[in-house]
């Protein structure tokens, strides 16, 4: 993706959007980019917890927007990954505290004056004001979807809204895929999702209990050794333009046959 400002959104809640933001942000930083991840889910702040930075929050996004602090006072630098920063959301305000135009100015400042290579914006789920604010400065979008009907239906709605806002690059991250369920016909396949949404994925992340552990301890999975962590790292590499093959998650011919058909392999 060429987009420097990317909104991570989902339509449906609970699909792994915040986990995706934290892991791809950390992965991009590991790969050499200066990255800021911004939590726009005002009132329900979670990105700081997933990243293990909650104890270091002093100022937040709303404080920056209202001029109560400087940008540098609100940005939290991750001590484990060089060039990874968090701008947290407020827990005590509501989404009406965010003005889309002012937020666009904050994001522009991060790129132009703070020297960030990439901004990832963790959007609230749904299609209300929080989503519109999160998407306002975005040039690209990662739509996180689970391989189930309700998630795909909501993703379809979100993609339409992103296109209406002239977001130029839209990619899918298929999260929590279970190859054995796909093979047995009990879960939507990647091809099914492509047929419905018409958008190819930039990442396919398998169901992995390691994500629960990493979230509970506040350490992005890309910093450890899990299948999901490797999948997020591969997603970040594709986002940077690398030609990264999709891994063989399981010994399942149907699943791999689908991937080979889809990406033009033998």
Protein backbone atom coordinates (compact mmCIF):
# COMPACT_ATOMS: atom_id res chain seq x y z
CA UNK A 1 0.00 0.00 0.00
CA UNK A 2 1.21 3.46 -0.86
CA UNK A 3 -1.09 5.10 1.70
CA UNK A 4 0.71 6.70 4.63
CA UNK A 5 -2.48 7.17 6.66
CA UNK A 6 -4.44 3.94 7.07
CA UNK A 7 -7.67 3.45 9.00
CA UNK A 8 -8.18 -0.01 10.49
CA UNK A 9 -11.89 -0.72 10.62
CA UNK A 10 -14.35 -3.57 10.68
CA UNK A 11 -18.04 -2.71 10.68
CA UNK A 12 -18.74 -5.47 13.19
CA UNK A 13 -17.19 -5.27 16.65
CA UNK A 14 -15.09 -8.02 18.19
CA UNK A 15 -13.34 -9.20 15.02
CA UNK A 16 -9.80 -8.30 16.15
CA UNK A 17 -9.44 -4.77 14.83
CA UNK A 18 -7.45 -3.38 17.78
CA UNK A 19 -5.21 -6.46 17.86
CA UNK A 20 -4.60 -6.00 14.13
CA UNK A 21 -3.72 -2.32 14.61
CA UNK A 22 -1.24 -3.09 17.40
CA UNK A 23 0.43 -5.97 15.59
CA UNK A 24 0.73 -4.41 12.15
CA UNK A 25 1.95 -1.16 13.73
CA UNK A 26 4.60 -3.04 15.69
CA UNK A 27 5.54 -5.11 12.63
CA UNK A 28 5.98 -2.04 10.43
CA UNK A 29 8.18 -0.47 13.10
CA UNK A 30 10.25 -3.68 13.29
CA UNK A 31 10.67 -3.40 9.52
CA UNK A 32 12.17 0.08 9.85
CA UNK A 33 9.28 2.52 9.57
CA UNK A 34 8.48 5.26 12.08
CA UNK A 35 4.88 4.43 13.01
CA UNK A 36 2.17 6.09 15.09
CA UNK A 37 -0.91 4.12 16.06
CA UNK A 38 -3.89 6.28 17.07
CA UNK A 39 -6.84 5.06 19.15
CA UNK A 40 -10.02 6.86 18.06
CA UNK A 41 -12.37 4.67 20.10
CA UNK A 42 -13.09 7.46 22.58
CA UNK A 43 -14.69 6.24 25.81
CA UNK A 44 -13.70 2.60 25.20
CA UNK A 45 -9.93 2.90 25.04
CA UNK A 46 -8.23 -0.48 24.49
CA UNK A 47 -5.24 -0.04 22.18
CA UNK A 48 -3.02 1.06 25.08
CA UNK A 49 -3.90 -2.14 26.99
CA UNK A 50 -3.23 -4.43 24.01
CA UNK A 51 0.17 -2.74 23.60
CA UNK A 52 0.98 -2.85 27.32
CA UNK A 53 1.25 0.95 27.57
CA UNK A 54 -1.77 1.78 29.74
CA UNK A 55 0.31 2.75 32.78
CA UNK A 56 2.13 5.43 30.77
CA UNK A 57 -0.93 7.34 29.53
CA UNK A 58 -0.96 10.94 30.83
CA UNK A 59 -2.49 12.92 27.98
CA UNK A 60 -4.70 11.67 25.15
CA UNK A 61 -6.00 12.43 21.67
CA UNK A 62 -8.77 14.73 22.92
CA UNK A 63 -6.25 16.73 24.96
CA UNK A 64 -4.24 17.27 21.76
CA UNK A 65 -7.32 18.23 19.74
CA UNK A 66 -8.40 20.73 22.40
CA UNK A 67 -4.92 22.23 22.73
CA UNK A 68 -4.46 21.13 26.36
CA UNK A 69 -1.07 19.57 25.60
CA UNK A 70 1.53 19.37 22.87
CA UNK A 71 1.65 16.40 20.53
CA UNK A 72 4.95 15.28 22.03
CA UNK A 73 3.38 15.14 25.50
CA UNK A 74 0.60 12.79 24.41
CA UNK A 75 2.64 10.46 22.18
CA UNK A 76 3.93 7.41 24.05
CA UNK A 77 7.07 5.77 22.68
CA UNK A 78 7.17 2.00 22.89
CA UNK A 79 10.37 0.93 24.66
CA UNK A 80 10.46 -2.52 23.03
CA UNK A 81 10.19 -1.47 19.39
CA UNK A 82 12.16 1.47 18.08
CA UNK A 83 10.10 4.08 16.22
CA UNK A 84 6.70 2.82 17.45
CA UNK A 85 4.45 5.40 19.13
CA UNK A 86 0.90 5.40 20.54
CA UNK A 87 -1.55 8.30 20.68
CA UNK A 88 -4.22 7.00 23.10
CA UNK A 89 -7.94 7.75 23.19
CA UNK A 90 -9.73 9.39 26.10
CA UNK A 91 -11.68 7.18 28.51
CA UNK A 92 -13.71 10.02 30.00
CA UNK A 93 -15.13 11.72 26.91
CA UNK A 94 -17.48 10.61 24.15
CA UNK A 95 -17.03 10.43 20.40
CA UNK A 96 -18.66 13.85 19.89
CA UNK A 97 -15.48 15.38 21.34
CA UNK A 98 -13.69 14.55 18.08
CA UNK A 99 -13.94 17.03 15.23
CA UNK A 100 -13.05 15.35 11.91
CA UNK A 101 -11.41 18.44 10.45
CA UNK A 102 -9.30 19.09 13.54
CA UNK A 103 -8.33 15.41 13.62
CA UNK A 104 -7.20 15.65 9.98
CA UNK A 105 -4.92 18.50 11.01
CA UNK A 106 -3.41 16.42 13.82
CA UNK A 107 -2.67 13.56 11.43
CA UNK A 108 -1.16 15.91 8.84
CA UNK A 109 1.09 17.31 11.57
CA UNK A 110 2.32 13.83 12.48
CA UNK A 111 3.38 13.22 8.88
CA UNK A 112 4.72 16.67 8.03
CA UNK A 113 6.31 17.81 11.30
CA UNK A 114 6.89 14.70 13.41
CA UNK A 115 8.44 12.64 10.62
CA UNK A 116 6.21 9.57 10.76
CA UNK A 117 6.31 7.20 7.80
CA UNK A 118 2.96 5.59 8.57
CA UNK A 119 -0.12 6.32 10.68
CA UNK A 120 -2.52 3.53 11.67
CA UNK A 121 -5.89 4.70 13.01
CA UNK A 122 -7.84 2.25 15.17
CA UNK A 123 -11.45 3.03 14.32
CA UNK A 124 -14.47 2.31 16.51
CA UNK A 125 -16.67 -0.46 15.12
CA UNK A 126 -19.83 0.58 13.30
CA UNK A 127 -20.71 3.37 10.90
CA UNK A 128 -21.47 6.26 13.21
CA UNK A 129 -19.55 9.45 13.99
CA UNK A 130 -16.50 7.71 15.43
CA UNK A 131 -15.94 5.80 12.20
CA UNK A 132 -16.40 8.94 10.09
CA UNK A 133 -13.84 10.81 12.19
CA UNK A 134 -11.33 7.93 12.03
CA UNK A 135 -11.70 7.65 8.27
CA UNK A 136 -11.58 11.41 7.58
CA UNK A 137 -7.77 11.68 7.09
CA UNK A 138 -7.30 8.16 5.68
CA UNK A 139 -5.76 7.47 2.28
CA UNK A 140 -6.04 3.70 2.73
CA UNK A 141 -7.97 1.20 4.82
CA UNK A 142 -7.50 -2.25 6.30
CA UNK A 143 -10.91 -3.86 6.76
CA UNK A 144 -10.71 -6.62 9.34
CA UNK A 145 -13.17 -9.43 8.74
CA UNK A 146 -13.84 -12.82 10.31
CA UNK A 147 -14.88 -15.67 7.98
CA UNK A 148 -18.51 -15.60 9.03
CA UNK A 149 -21.60 -14.18 7.39
CA UNK A 150 -22.43 -11.32 9.76
CA UNK A 151 -18.85 -10.01 9.75
CA UNK A 152 -18.63 -10.15 5.95
CA UNK A 153 -22.00 -8.43 5.56
CA UNK A 154 -20.92 -5.57 7.83
CA UNK A 155 -17.57 -5.33 6.04
CA UNK A 156 -19.42 -4.90 2.75
CA UNK A 157 -21.23 -1.88 4.19
CA UNK A 158 -17.98 -0.40 5.51
CA UNK A 159 -16.23 -0.84 2.16
CA UNK A 160 -19.05 1.08 0.46
CA UNK A 161 -18.70 3.94 2.94
CA UNK A 162 -14.91 4.04 2.52
CA UNK A 163 -15.29 4.19 -1.26
CA UNK A 164 -17.83 7.02 -0.85
CA UNK A 165 -15.22 8.90 1.21
CA UNK A 166 -12.74 8.38 -1.66
CA UNK A 167 -10.35 6.20 0.33
CA UNK A 168 -8.17 5.04 -2.53
CA UNK A 169 -6.61 1.80 -1.21
CA UNK A 170 -8.78 -0.75 0.57
CA UNK A 171 -7.46 -4.16 1.61
CA UNK A 172 -8.84 -7.01 3.72
CA UNK A 173 -7.29 -8.70 6.70
CA UNK A 174 -9.06 -12.04 7.19
CA UNK A 175 -8.68 -12.80 10.87
CA UNK A 176 -9.27 -15.98 12.92
CA UNK A 177 -9.40 -18.34 9.98
CA UNK A 178 -9.71 -22.06 10.80
CA UNK A 179 -8.56 -24.13 7.80
CA UNK A 180 -10.18 -27.35 9.00
CA UNK A 181 -13.57 -25.64 9.32
CA UNK A 182 -13.13 -24.16 5.84
CA UNK A 183 -12.33 -27.61 4.44
CA UNK A 184 -15.41 -29.12 6.09
CA UNK A 185 -17.65 -26.38 4.70
CA UNK A 186 -18.44 -24.93 8.13
CA UNK A 187 -16.60 -21.64 7.64
CA UNK A 188 -16.44 -19.19 4.75
CA UNK A 189 -13.32 -19.64 2.63
CA UNK A 190 -11.06 -16.87 1.32
CA UNK A 191 -12.63 -17.39 -2.12
CA UNK A 192 -16.13 -16.98 -0.63
CA UNK A 193 -15.14 -13.70 0.98
CA UNK A 194 -13.52 -12.47 -2.23
CA UNK A 195 -16.67 -13.32 -4.19
CA UNK A 196 -18.85 -11.38 -1.74
CA UNK A 197 -16.67 -8.32 -1.14
CA UNK A 198 -14.63 -8.08 -4.34
CA UNK A 199 -11.54 -7.08 -2.33
CA UNK A 200 -8.42 -9.22 -2.06
CA UNK A 201 -6.78 -9.69 1.33
CA UNK A 202 -3.38 -8.38 2.23
CA UNK A 203 -3.30 -10.70 5.22
CA UNK A 204 -4.79 -14.01 6.37
CA UNK A 205 -4.38 -14.65 10.09
CA UNK A 206 -5.17 -18.06 11.58
CA UNK A 207 -7.05 -18.63 14.83
CA UNK A 208 -4.34 -18.76 17.49
CA UNK A 209 -4.60 -19.02 21.29
CA UNK A 210 -1.29 -17.18 21.45
CA UNK A 211 -3.17 -13.96 20.62
CA UNK A 212 -5.14 -14.24 23.88
CA UNK A 213 -1.89 -14.60 25.81
CA UNK A 214 -0.21 -11.69 24.02
CA UNK A 215 -3.23 -9.44 24.58
CA UNK A 216 -3.43 -10.30 28.28
CA UNK A 217 0.26 -9.52 28.86
CA UNK A 218 0.22 -6.41 26.66
CA UNK A 219 2.79 -7.58 24.14
CA UNK A 220 2.01 -7.62 20.40
CA UNK A 221 2.21 -11.16 19.00
CA UNK A 222 4.73 -10.06 16.35
CA UNK A 223 7.29 -9.70 19.15
CA UNK A 224 7.02 -13.41 19.95
CA UNK A 225 6.78 -16.66 18.04
CA UNK A 226 3.20 -17.55 17.20
CA UNK A 227 1.44 -18.42 13.96
CA UNK A 228 -0.71 -15.32 14.20
CA UNK A 229 2.29 -13.13 14.97
CA UNK A 230 4.08 -14.42 11.87
CA UNK A 231 0.94 -13.83 9.79
CA UNK A 232 0.73 -10.21 11.01
CA UNK A 233 4.42 -9.70 10.23
CA UNK A 234 3.90 -11.11 6.73
CA UNK A 235 0.92 -8.77 6.32
CA UNK A 236 3.10 -5.78 7.18
CA UNK A 237 5.71 -6.93 4.68
CA UNK A 238 3.05 -7.15 1.95
CA UNK A 239 1.83 -3.70 2.95
CA UNK A 240 5.37 -2.44 2.30
CA UNK A 241 5.29 -4.00 -1.17
CA UNK A 242 7.12 -7.30 -0.60
CA UNK A 243 5.95 -10.39 -2.44
CA UNK A 244 5.34 -12.66 0.54
CA UNK A 245 3.73 -16.08 -0.02
CA UNK A 246 0.92 -17.19 2.20
CA UNK A 247 1.99 -19.86 4.71
CA UNK A 248 0.61 -23.37 4.87
CA UNK A 249 -1.35 -23.10 8.10
CA UNK A 250 -2.54 -26.69 8.06
CA UNK A 251 -2.10 -29.95 6.17
CA UNK A 252 -5.26 -29.32 4.25
CA UNK A 253 -5.30 -29.72 0.49
CA UNK A 254 -8.59 -27.90 0.01
CA UNK A 255 -7.36 -24.81 1.80
CA UNK A 256 -4.10 -24.66 -0.09
CA UNK A 257 -5.81 -25.41 -3.37
CA UNK A 258 -8.03 -22.40 -2.80
CA UNK A 259 -5.01 -20.16 -2.17
CA UNK A 260 -3.17 -21.48 -5.25
CA UNK A 261 -6.24 -20.91 -7.45
CA UNK A 262 -6.75 -17.48 -6.02
CA UNK A 263 -3.20 -16.22 -6.44
CA UNK A 264 -2.57 -17.89 -9.77
CA UNK A 265 -0.31 -20.73 -8.60
CA UNK A 266 -0.17 -24.28 -9.94
